[in-house]
Every structure is written in structure tokens, then in C-alpha cells.
Amino acid sequence: MSYLERFSLSRFLSLESAGGILLVAAALLAILLANSPLQHYYALLIDTPVGIRIGDFILNKPFLLWVNDGLMAVFFLLVGLELKREFLEGELKQLKNIALPGLGAIGGMLLPAGIYIVFNHSDPTAMKGWAIPAATDIAFALGILALLGSRVPTSLKLFLTTLAIFDDVGAIIIIACFYTSNISAAALIVAAICIGALLYLNRSGVTAKRFYIIVGLIMWTALLKSGVHATLAGLILAMLLPMHPSNDSEPSPLKSLESNLHPAVAFVILPIFAFCNAGISFTGINAHQLLHPVPMGIAFGLFVGKQLGVFGMCWLGIRLRLASLPHDISIGTLYGVAVLCGIGFTMSLFIGSLAFEETGINQIVDERLGILLGSLISGALGYAILRRSLSKVAA
């Protein structure tokens, strides 16, 4: 099966493209509420404490953190399932098909982070946000591609999807390595036992998803208490869920869970996340706050760093013959999609919440300003470039 003929992501692409529209609507609604007389009720909603108590065990968090720690774990579970399936039986089994998006993902993470560091190297607190512009929002980016209709070649969608998946895995690694605090050895031991239990289930040929989900929930709770970010539970669970059923008459556990999660993630989880995290109040914002090194580093990292990093590494890989450009993608089209990668919205907001939730920097400057600015300019320019370059190809 060739790069152009790959069909395994078709449902994913269509759902995420439609989900991008919901993301935009949810983000705009949050901004409108945060700048309206209803601002108090919006803040009250996301700050409402939600608790679970079982005997002496208490889990009590604001609704916003349930979204960021809980719902985003489901998102990373879906990313992990998609990645595992593609590596086991998709095009990612072949090195030649992952080289180009892989190189783009590396450049698209390193250069934006470097630009942010240049802006904020003298401020140790601000430096905690270095990874914010390294992310790409797959739902928004694919939503922009969907606006261009049938002119967009399948290979271009698959390139962007694969790059964004690698980007998300990179974000998971960054979160695990750099955004952990107050490590609890006891909770980590419980999480390790859960991983052992998942391995045992996998090796024993158990294919019933309910057993994996139950152990996964316990692991998520343990990681939540451990200081290691709980979203990692989603990726770990995905890696240990069986791909093949116990007999041919049953569906694949991995594929069936992936199929069930797609609508929930695209149409519920990501829009809720956007609604809860995008509510920026513009009251009292002045030029000093807008031009602060944090939002400027993020905006320039997303807009300048992403396009130069993605396109530069892909161009270098093609010139060195480490990767090849699909025949229906021109250099202009490749550059347009590289600009589109500067839409960092969902993952950038998520990493920003991890970086600054305990530092108090958001009392001085709101990093979300840079995320929205960089993402908006990248989306608009990327759309314009792709519309022009795809029109030339069609002509």
C-alpha cells in the first residue's frame, strides 16, 4: 500500500476536521463570556470544586483541573492508540514514510523552543514556558485544511496528521521529563504495579477492554497523586492494550476502542478543553502585557519557529535524500502546511497551564495571549499560502 493509498486514517481525518470547527466555536464562546457581564459565572464554572470520596480516599479538584488532568488523559490515550496501530500495521511501519514528517516534527519542536528561550533566557520563572510553542494543534490545523476542500491531496493530510502525532508524543515526553513535581514514591509504586498488571493481562492473552480500563483508571489516579502528570496514563494504557483479538470472530480491542473514542475526543473532550482554557479577559490589558517576553516568545515561536523548523528540516531531509516529497505535494504546498503547524492552540494551552499554574506569572501576564496571536496568524497565513499553491497545482 503506497503513501497515497493509505486509508486507515480516513475516519480520524474527517472527525478531526469537523472537530476543528467546534474547537473554534468553543474558544470564541469562552472569550466572549470572559469579556461579558457573565464573566463571573464563567469563572465560577471552571473553578467549581468537584470531588470523589471513597472511604478515606478523597480526590478533590476544580472542574478546570478535572478537564486538564482527566479528559486530556483520554485524548492522549487516543493519540497512543493511533500511534501504536500505525506502527504495527500502518504506513509508519516503513521508515521512508515517517522520515519526512518525523524530521518536520523535530525541527518544529526545537526551533520554536529556541526562539522562546531567546526572548526569556534572563527570567527563570518565564523559562518554565519554553515548551509552549513546541506544540501543534492537529484538530485546528486539519480544520483549516478542510476549508480548502477536495483540492487538498490525501498525502498532505497524512503528512500533517503524522507530524502532529509525533508532535503530541514529543509533548508527552516533555511533560514527563520537565513538568513533574512533589514526587510521591508510594503513588509511583502503585502506578508501577498497575503497569505490571497491564503487562500480565497483555501477555496472558486477555482481550476484554474492561479489565484494561479498570487498571488504567487506578494507574491514572496513582499518577495523579504521584506528581508525574496523570495524562501519561493514557499513553501507557494505549501501548499495553492488545492489537489482535483472541479469535478472528472478535474485533480488535485496540481498533474498537480507538473507533469509540474518536467522536468523544473530537466533538466533546477537545471543545470542552478549549472552552475551559481559552477564556481570556482583555480587560486592563495594555501594550506592556502584550509585548511581554512570554507572549512574544510564544507568538514568535509558533509563527516564525514552527514554519522555519518544519519546512527547514523537511527541505534539508529532501536535499540529503533522507526523505522524499510525495509527488502531489509541491514545495509551496509543503511550506504552507509548515506555516499551518504554527497553530498550537490545544496543546500549547495545556503545556502553558502546567508551566505556570503554580508560579503566579499569569497574574502579571497571560501566556494565552501569545498562543492565540501566534495560532491566529499562522492559521490565516497558512490558509492563504495553501489556497494559492493548491490552485496552481490544480491549474
Protein backbone atom coordinates (compact mmCIF):
# COMPACT_ATOMS: atom_id res chain seq x y z
CA MET A 1 0.00 0.00 0.00
CA SER A 2 1.51 3.34 -1.06
CA TYR A 3 1.70 6.59 0.87
CA LEU A 4 -1.17 7.98 -1.20
CA GLU A 5 -3.39 4.94 -0.83
CA ARG A 6 -3.38 4.79 2.94
CA PHE A 7 -6.95 4.65 4.18
CA SER A 8 -6.52 3.82 7.85
CA LEU A 9 -6.70 7.46 8.97
CA SER A 10 -9.69 8.49 6.86
CA ARG A 11 -12.21 8.45 9.69
CA PHE A 12 -9.77 10.17 12.01
CA LEU A 13 -9.15 12.92 9.46
CA SER A 14 -12.82 13.58 8.82
CA LEU A 15 -13.71 13.68 12.50
CA GLU A 16 -10.84 15.94 13.49
CA SER A 17 -11.56 18.32 10.62
CA ALA A 18 -15.15 18.72 11.75
CA GLY A 19 -13.99 18.90 15.35
CA GLY A 20 -11.82 21.89 14.44
CA ILE A 21 -14.96 23.92 13.80
CA LEU A 22 -16.28 23.02 17.25
CA LEU A 23 -12.92 23.97 18.77
CA VAL A 24 -13.14 27.42 17.20
CA ALA A 25 -16.72 27.86 18.39
CA ALA A 26 -15.87 26.73 21.94
CA ALA A 27 -12.84 29.03 22.14
CA LEU A 28 -14.79 32.03 20.82
CA LEU A 29 -17.63 31.35 23.26
CA ALA A 30 -15.16 31.23 26.16
CA ILE A 31 -13.58 34.55 25.11
CA LEU A 32 -16.99 36.18 24.73
CA LEU A 33 -18.10 35.01 28.17
CA ALA A 34 -14.82 36.10 29.78
CA ASN A 35 -15.35 39.61 28.40
CA SER A 36 -19.05 39.94 29.13
CA PRO A 37 -21.20 40.58 32.21
CA LEU A 38 -21.31 36.77 32.54
CA GLN A 39 -17.57 36.63 33.28
CA HIS A 40 -18.22 35.87 36.95
CA TYR A 41 -20.32 32.82 36.08
CA TYR A 42 -17.71 31.56 33.61
CA ALA A 43 -15.01 31.79 36.27
CA LEU A 44 -17.33 30.18 38.80
CA LEU A 45 -17.92 27.24 36.45
CA ILE A 46 -14.27 26.39 35.78
CA ASP A 47 -13.31 26.94 39.44
CA THR A 48 -16.17 24.84 40.86
CA PRO A 49 -14.68 22.12 43.09
CA VAL A 50 -15.59 18.57 42.10
CA GLY A 51 -14.72 15.78 44.49
CA ILE A 52 -14.81 11.99 44.76
CA ARG A 53 -14.62 10.24 48.11
CA ILE A 54 -14.32 6.52 48.75
CA GLY A 55 -13.76 5.86 52.46
CA ASP A 56 -10.66 7.78 53.50
CA PHE A 57 -9.64 8.37 49.88
CA ILE A 58 -10.50 11.89 48.69
CA LEU A 59 -9.92 13.36 45.23
CA ASN A 60 -11.00 16.99 45.15
CA LYS A 61 -10.10 19.35 42.29
CA PRO A 62 -11.59 22.35 40.48
CA PHE A 63 -13.53 21.49 37.34
CA LEU A 64 -10.73 23.02 35.21
CA LEU A 65 -8.18 20.54 36.57
CA TRP A 66 -10.54 17.61 36.05
CA VAL A 67 -10.64 18.67 32.41
CA ASN A 68 -6.88 19.16 32.13
CA ASP A 69 -5.85 16.08 34.10
CA GLY A 70 -8.73 13.75 33.29
CA LEU A 71 -10.17 14.49 29.87
CA MET A 72 -6.73 15.16 28.39
CA ALA A 73 -5.63 11.71 29.56
CA VAL A 74 -8.35 10.31 27.29
CA PHE A 75 -7.01 12.47 24.46
CA PHE A 76 -3.51 11.07 24.95
CA LEU A 77 -4.99 7.57 25.11
CA LEU A 78 -6.41 8.14 21.63
CA VAL A 79 -3.08 9.52 20.37
CA GLY A 80 -1.32 6.45 21.75
CA LEU A 81 -3.81 4.05 20.17
CA GLU A 82 -3.44 5.78 16.81
CA LEU A 83 0.34 5.71 17.02
CA LYS A 84 0.52 2.04 18.04
CA ARG A 85 -1.82 0.93 15.26
CA GLU A 86 0.10 2.88 12.64
CA PHE A 87 3.42 1.41 13.77
CA LEU A 88 2.07 -2.15 13.86
CA GLU A 89 0.18 -2.31 10.58
CA GLY A 90 0.05 1.15 9.01
CA GLU A 91 2.43 3.19 6.93
CA LEU A 92 4.57 4.02 9.95
CA LYS A 93 5.97 0.50 9.68
CA GLN A 94 8.06 1.79 6.77
CA LEU A 95 10.86 4.19 7.57
CA LYS A 96 10.57 6.02 4.26
CA ASN A 97 7.02 7.10 5.11
CA ILE A 98 7.83 8.51 8.53
CA ALA A 99 11.11 10.23 7.65
CA LEU A 100 9.62 13.45 6.24
CA PRO A 101 7.00 14.15 8.96
CA GLY A 102 9.45 12.89 11.59
CA LEU A 103 12.10 15.39 10.52
CA GLY A 104 9.45 18.12 10.37
CA ALA A 105 8.29 17.32 13.89
CA ILE A 106 11.85 17.53 15.25
CA GLY A 107 12.51 20.90 13.63
CA GLY A 108 9.05 22.10 14.58
CA MET A 109 9.75 21.47 18.27
CA LEU A 110 13.37 22.56 18.59
CA LEU A 111 13.31 25.93 16.81
CA PRO A 112 10.14 27.33 18.47
CA ALA A 113 11.53 26.37 21.88
CA GLY A 114 14.83 28.03 20.96
CA ILE A 115 13.08 31.26 19.95
CA TYR A 116 11.14 31.32 23.21
CA ILE A 117 14.39 30.83 25.15
CA VAL A 118 15.98 33.78 23.31
CA PHE A 119 13.10 36.01 24.46
CA ASN A 120 13.04 34.78 28.07
CA HIS A 121 16.51 33.45 28.96
CA SER A 122 17.04 36.10 31.63
CA ASP A 123 13.86 35.23 33.58
CA PRO A 124 13.97 31.84 35.38
CA THR A 125 10.21 31.88 36.02
CA ALA A 126 9.32 32.67 32.41
CA MET A 127 11.72 29.98 31.22
CA LYS A 128 9.29 27.37 32.57
CA GLY A 129 7.18 28.01 29.47
CA TRP A 130 9.86 27.10 26.92
CA ALA A 131 7.86 24.13 25.59
CA ILE A 132 4.61 26.06 24.98
CA PRO A 133 5.30 26.99 21.32
CA ALA A 134 6.62 23.50 20.50
CA ALA A 135 3.11 22.05 20.08
CA THR A 136 0.83 21.72 17.04
CA ASP A 137 -2.95 21.52 17.32
CA ILE A 138 -4.00 18.75 14.93
CA ALA A 139 -7.74 19.47 15.14
CA PHE A 140 -7.40 23.16 14.24
CA ALA A 141 -4.81 22.52 11.53
CA LEU A 142 -6.93 19.82 9.87
CA GLY A 143 -9.96 22.06 10.22
CA ILE A 144 -8.18 24.72 8.15
CA LEU A 145 -7.25 22.10 5.54
CA ALA A 146 -10.91 21.06 5.37
CA LEU A 147 -11.84 24.60 4.31
CA LEU A 148 -9.79 24.07 1.14
CA GLY A 149 -11.99 21.17 0.10
CA SER A 150 -11.09 18.44 -2.38
CA ARG A 151 -8.04 20.31 -3.68
CA VAL A 152 -6.07 19.05 -0.67
CA PRO A 153 -4.27 15.81 -1.60
CA THR A 154 -4.59 12.90 0.79
CA SER A 155 -0.81 12.73 1.17
CA LEU A 156 -0.79 16.29 2.54
CA LYS A 157 -3.39 15.44 5.18
CA LEU A 158 -1.47 12.32 6.13
CA PHE A 159 1.78 14.28 6.35
CA LEU A 160 0.20 16.81 8.71
CA THR A 161 -1.51 14.10 10.76
CA THR A 162 1.67 12.05 11.19
CA LEU A 163 3.71 15.14 12.06
CA ALA A 164 1.15 16.22 14.65
CA ILE A 165 1.08 12.73 16.22
CA PHE A 166 4.87 12.81 16.59
CA ASP A 167 4.46 16.32 17.99
CA ASP A 168 1.99 15.08 20.61
CA VAL A 169 4.29 12.21 21.61
CA GLY A 170 7.11 14.74 21.98
CA ALA A 171 4.83 16.83 24.20
CA ILE A 172 4.14 13.77 26.37
CA ILE A 173 7.88 13.18 26.78
CA ILE A 174 8.42 16.85 27.66
CA ILE A 175 5.62 16.71 30.25
CA ALA A 176 7.07 13.57 31.81
CA CYS A 177 10.62 14.94 31.97
CA PHE A 178 10.12 18.62 32.80
CA TYR A 179 6.67 19.17 34.34
CA THR A 180 6.65 16.90 37.36
CA SER A 181 6.79 17.99 40.99
CA ASN A 182 6.42 16.71 44.56
CA ILE A 183 7.10 13.10 43.63
CA SER A 184 5.32 10.53 45.81
CA ALA A 185 7.20 7.22 45.95
CA ALA A 186 4.16 5.34 47.29
CA ALA A 187 1.93 6.52 44.44
CA LEU A 188 4.62 5.67 41.88
CA ILE A 189 4.83 2.15 43.32
CA VAL A 190 1.07 1.75 42.84
CA ALA A 191 1.40 3.02 39.26
CA ALA A 192 4.25 0.57 38.62
CA ILE A 193 2.11 -2.30 39.95
CA CYS A 194 -0.66 -1.25 37.56
CA ILE A 195 1.78 -1.28 34.65
CA GLY A 196 2.85 -4.77 35.69
CA ALA A 197 -0.80 -5.85 35.83
CA LEU A 198 -1.41 -4.45 32.33
CA LEU A 199 1.64 -6.31 31.05
CA TYR A 200 0.37 -9.53 32.64
CA LEU A 201 -3.06 -9.09 31.05
CA ASN A 202 -1.44 -8.47 27.67
CA ARG A 203 0.94 -11.43 27.90
CA SER A 204 -1.84 -13.71 29.13
CA GLY A 205 -3.92 -13.04 26.05
CA VAL A 206 -6.71 -11.18 27.87
CA THR A 207 -8.53 -9.06 25.29
CA ALA A 208 -11.53 -7.74 27.27
CA LYS A 209 -11.13 -3.97 27.29
CA ARG A 210 -12.92 -3.52 30.62
CA PHE A 211 -10.05 -5.10 32.58
CA TYR A 212 -7.52 -2.77 30.97
CA ILE A 213 -9.73 0.27 31.57
CA ILE A 214 -10.22 -0.58 35.26
CA VAL A 215 -6.47 -0.98 35.81
CA GLY A 216 -5.89 2.13 33.71
CA LEU A 217 -8.19 4.19 35.96
CA ILE A 218 -6.29 3.03 39.04
CA MET A 219 -2.99 3.90 37.32
CA TRP A 220 -4.35 7.34 36.36
CA THR A 221 -5.31 8.01 39.99
CA ALA A 222 -1.89 6.87 41.22
CA LEU A 223 -0.07 9.08 38.72
CA LEU A 224 -2.33 11.98 39.68
CA LYS A 225 -1.18 11.59 43.28
CA SER A 226 2.44 10.84 42.34
CA GLY A 227 3.47 14.22 40.96
CA VAL A 228 4.04 12.75 37.47
CA HIS A 229 1.38 14.18 35.20
CA ALA A 230 -1.64 11.90 35.04
CA THR A 231 -2.11 12.25 31.28
CA LEU A 232 0.80 9.82 30.87
CA ALA A 233 -1.58 7.07 31.99
CA GLY A 234 -3.41 7.40 28.69
CA LEU A 235 -0.30 6.74 26.61
CA ILE A 236 0.85 3.84 28.81
CA LEU A 237 -2.57 2.19 28.61
CA ALA A 238 -2.59 2.57 24.82
CA MET A 239 0.81 0.92 24.47
CA LEU A 240 -0.29 -2.12 26.52
CA LEU A 241 -3.75 -2.66 25.03
CA PRO A 242 -3.76 -5.69 22.71
CA MET A 243 -3.93 -5.08 18.99
CA HIS A 244 -5.22 -8.51 18.00
CA PRO A 245 -8.32 -10.31 19.37
CA SER A 246 -8.23 -13.79 20.86
CA ASN A 247 -10.07 -15.15 17.80
CA ASP A 248 -10.98 -13.93 14.32
CA SER A 249 -14.65 -13.52 15.16
CA GLU A 250 -13.95 -10.70 17.62
CA PRO A 251 -12.96 -7.11 16.79
CA SER A 252 -9.51 -5.78 17.60
CA PRO A 253 -9.53 -4.38 21.18
CA LEU A 254 -7.28 -1.50 20.15
CA LYS A 255 -9.18 -0.61 16.98
CA SER A 256 -12.60 -0.83 18.60
CA LEU A 257 -11.58 1.42 21.49
CA GLU A 258 -9.97 3.85 19.05
CA SER A 259 -13.14 3.95 16.97
CA ASN A 260 -15.29 4.55 20.05
CA LEU A 261 -13.05 7.34 21.35
CA HIS A 262 -12.78 9.35 18.11
CA PRO A 263 -16.21 11.05 18.30
CA ALA A 264 -15.89 11.71 22.03
CA VAL A 265 -12.47 13.32 21.70
CA ALA A 266 -13.23 15.32 18.55
CA PHE A 267 -16.68 16.54 19.47
CA VAL A 268 -16.71 16.62 23.29
CA ILE A 269 -13.32 16.46 25.03
CA LEU A 270 -11.32 18.92 22.93
CA PRO A 271 -14.13 21.52 22.69
CA ILE A 272 -14.65 21.34 26.48
CA PHE A 273 -10.90 21.77 26.97
CA ALA A 274 -10.89 24.79 24.65
CA PHE A 275 -13.89 26.31 26.40
CA CYS A 276 -12.32 25.95 29.85
CA ASN A 277 -8.86 27.21 28.89
CA ALA A 278 -9.39 29.90 26.26
CA GLY A 279 -11.40 32.35 28.36
CA ILE A 280 -9.03 35.32 28.28
CA SER A 281 -10.29 38.58 29.71
CA PHE A 282 -8.96 41.56 27.77
CA THR A 283 -9.94 43.99 30.49
CA GLY A 284 -6.94 46.06 31.56
CA ILE A 285 -4.57 44.51 29.02
CA ASN A 286 -2.06 47.08 27.83
CA ALA A 287 0.88 47.21 25.45
CA HIS A 288 3.32 46.23 28.21
CA GLN A 289 1.48 42.97 28.85
CA LEU A 290 1.06 42.22 25.16
CA LEU A 291 4.74 42.88 24.43
CA HIS A 292 5.97 40.98 27.47
CA PRO A 293 8.69 38.42 26.56
CA VAL A 294 6.42 35.49 27.49
CA PRO A 295 3.58 36.12 24.96
CA MET A 296 6.05 37.48 22.41
CA GLY A 297 8.29 34.42 22.75
CA ILE A 298 5.27 32.15 22.32
CA ALA A 299 3.83 34.09 19.36
CA PHE A 300 7.16 34.27 17.51
CA GLY A 301 7.92 30.67 18.41
CA LEU A 302 4.63 29.47 16.92
CA PHE A 303 4.57 31.72 13.87
CA VAL A 304 8.26 32.01 12.95
CA GLY A 305 9.80 29.00 14.68
CA LYS A 306 7.24 26.43 13.57
CA GLN A 307 7.29 27.27 9.89
CA LEU A 308 11.07 27.58 9.69
CA GLY A 309 11.66 24.49 11.83
CA VAL A 310 9.22 22.22 9.99
CA PHE A 311 9.96 23.44 6.48
CA GLY A 312 13.71 23.78 7.06
CA MET A 313 14.15 20.25 8.40
CA CYS A 314 11.95 18.76 5.67
CA TRP A 315 13.85 20.65 2.95
CA LEU A 316 17.16 19.55 4.43
CA GLY A 317 15.98 15.94 4.64
CA ILE A 318 14.88 16.01 0.99
CA ARG A 319 18.18 17.57 -0.16
CA LEU A 320 20.20 14.99 1.78
CA ARG A 321 17.92 12.22 0.44
CA LEU A 322 16.92 11.18 3.93
CA ALA A 323 13.28 11.63 2.92
CA SER A 324 11.26 12.12 -0.25
CA LEU A 325 8.45 14.51 -1.11
CA PRO A 326 5.22 12.82 -2.30
CA HIS A 327 4.70 13.56 -5.99
CA ASP A 328 1.47 15.53 -5.46
CA ILE A 329 2.95 17.88 -2.85
CA SER A 330 4.88 20.89 -4.14
CA ILE A 331 7.49 22.83 -2.20
CA GLY A 332 5.00 25.71 -1.92
CA THR A 333 2.35 23.40 -0.52
CA LEU A 334 4.87 21.94 1.94
CA TYR A 335 5.72 25.46 3.12
CA GLY A 336 2.03 26.30 3.52
CA VAL A 337 1.39 23.30 5.75
CA ALA A 338 4.56 24.15 7.72
CA VAL A 339 3.07 27.59 8.44
CA LEU A 340 -0.17 25.88 9.44
CA CYS A 341 1.77 23.88 12.04
CA GLY A 342 2.12 27.15 13.97
CA ILE A 343 -1.43 26.63 15.25
CA GLY A 344 -0.54 25.42 18.72
CA PHE A 345 -3.82 26.07 20.47
CA THR A 346 -4.90 22.98 22.45
CA MET A 347 -1.51 21.50 23.35
CA SER A 348 0.08 24.92 23.87
CA LEU A 349 -2.69 25.86 26.31
CA PHE A 350 -2.22 22.55 28.08
CA ILE A 351 1.55 22.91 28.46
CA GLY A 352 1.07 26.55 29.48
CA SER A 353 -1.24 25.51 32.30
CA LEU A 354 1.39 23.04 33.52
CA ALA A 355 4.21 25.57 33.24
CA PHE A 356 2.59 28.49 35.02
CA GLU A 357 -0.26 27.19 37.19
CA GLU A 358 1.90 27.33 40.34
CA THR A 359 4.24 30.23 39.53
CA GLY A 360 1.77 33.10 39.64
CA ILE A 361 3.17 34.56 36.43
CA ASN A 362 -0.32 34.67 34.94
CA GLN A 363 -1.13 37.35 37.49
CA ILE A 364 1.34 39.57 35.65
CA VAL A 365 1.00 38.40 32.04
CA ASP A 366 -1.27 35.88 30.33
CA GLU A 367 0.65 33.40 28.18
CA ARG A 368 -2.58 32.62 26.34
CA LEU A 369 -2.27 35.96 24.52
CA GLY A 370 0.82 34.69 22.73
CA ILE A 371 -0.82 31.35 21.97
CA LEU A 372 -3.88 32.98 20.40
CA LEU A 373 -1.82 35.56 18.49
CA GLY A 374 0.68 33.06 17.07
CA SER A 375 -2.03 30.50 16.25
CA LEU A 376 -4.31 33.06 14.58
CA ILE A 377 -1.58 34.49 12.32
CA SER A 378 -0.26 31.02 11.46
CA GLY A 379 -3.73 29.77 10.58
CA ALA A 380 -4.59 32.78 8.39
CA LEU A 381 -1.28 32.86 6.52
CA GLY A 382 -1.11 29.07 6.17
CA TYR A 383 -4.60 29.03 4.66
CA ALA A 384 -3.68 31.81 2.20
CA ILE A 385 -0.47 30.09 1.09
CA LEU A 386 -2.13 26.70 0.69
CA ARG A 387 -5.06 28.16 -1.23
CA ARG A 388 -2.67 29.82 -3.68
CA SER A 389 -0.28 26.86 -4.04
CA LEU A 390 -3.06 24.28 -4.40
CA SER A 391 -4.76 26.43 -7.04
CA LYS A 392 -1.55 26.45 -9.07
CA VAL A 393 -1.27 22.67 -8.80
CA ALA A 394 -4.90 22.28 -9.91
CA ALA A 395 -4.33 24.60 -12.86
